[in-house]
């Protein structure tokens, strides 16, 4: 990321991201823009004094909400929080005028103020975002109302609005991740499906560990999860309702094994791998329980399908060329085009929600990588390198990728990591147990 000053407001549409507007008084406004291209070089400094409150229980929520908002923003690598110890003045009254000079003196470019009140289990959070150098608010203040039990979600919602106003992109903080939680020794690993906030908080278990589970995938609306289970002894696909935690086996009508499922963009059908007679191809099935439609018919293994956001194409993994590579074909089947041509083996491709990139796992010269390429295979970039990195999943805004990493010397216990598509800001996602197979869901309603 680089912060630049532009002399022409008309150039704004051509810039990757639009940030805070800085106005060097009394000259005309000269916008300060954040262009994210090579990753974070100088994160934008922001201040977020603890939100005001009437005291008591409200003060506790105010402190926690302020903390989560700050962690959300700083965790992107695009922003740097100025510590409270550097403040010259504070904000104790939400309606009081902002002392811009005090915030300029500590080089705060953005200022977030807010207020929190709790009454009868109901929580109200309101906030404002200010461009310090232009002495002005960035948009109108907003207010969120809900139950005190949902305070973390309200904090994430505030952070999403701030992120969007400064970067011009959609946020991703108010989202969830479904993953496989793992426990026990490597040779007797127990696995169960789990759900968490994007930052690892509020873990909820969706299945027990009586059967091996793999590769969960959220529906486009986040209310259902597809996954593979060995409950019957061989891999079969199940559909789970997140609210009730009820599950049903997908009626795939006679396949020896079914695995690697993924929803279509409208949530009305599922594409998956089906193995019959030693051959594995891709099939499409309407939900619930529609007839099967064969998409591939080749003496090779076709797996890991993923729809383009508009539903017109599918990217998938195939070894038809002799080694696992990435191919793209029409969503209804037909001729497939190979798009991976670098050295090594490619797998687990996933189409970006923006539609411009495909993320993948690559194995080459004894190292594993998470990478991205254009949908025609051009501009390949490797974002990570490790003993074992695999299984990328996109954030709702297509800006961050979460994946599984195993490192040597940790009993083979996997963990979840995230990385910006620039290749910077690699971070471990804290989970109660070992974790693998993350699938990032949509923003919550």
Foldseek 3Di string as FASTA:
>chain_A
DDKDWDPDPVCVVVAQWAFAWFQQPPDPTTGIGDGDDLAADDAAEAEEAQEAEPDDPQSVLSNVLSVLLQCQRVLVVNYDYDDPVQFPDGDHDQPDQDPLVRCVVSPHQKYKYWHWYDDPQKIKIKIWMDGSNRSGTQDDIDMDIDGPVCSSLVSQVVSQVNVCSGTVFGRFQQWKKKWWFWDDFPVDIFIFIWMAGPQAPDIDTLDGRPWDKDFWAAAQQRQKIWTWTCPVPATFIKIAGPVVSDIDTQCQDDFPHKGQWYAALVRQKIWTWGHDPRAIFIWIAGPPHGHIATADDDRWHWGQWEAQNVRQKIKTWICRVPATFIWMDTNNHDDIDTQADDPFHWHNWYAFNVRFKIWIWTDDPQWIFIWIAGPNNPPIDTLDIANDWGAWEARQRRFKIKTWDFHPPPSRQIFIWMAGNSSDSIGTRDYPGRIHNMYIHHRHD
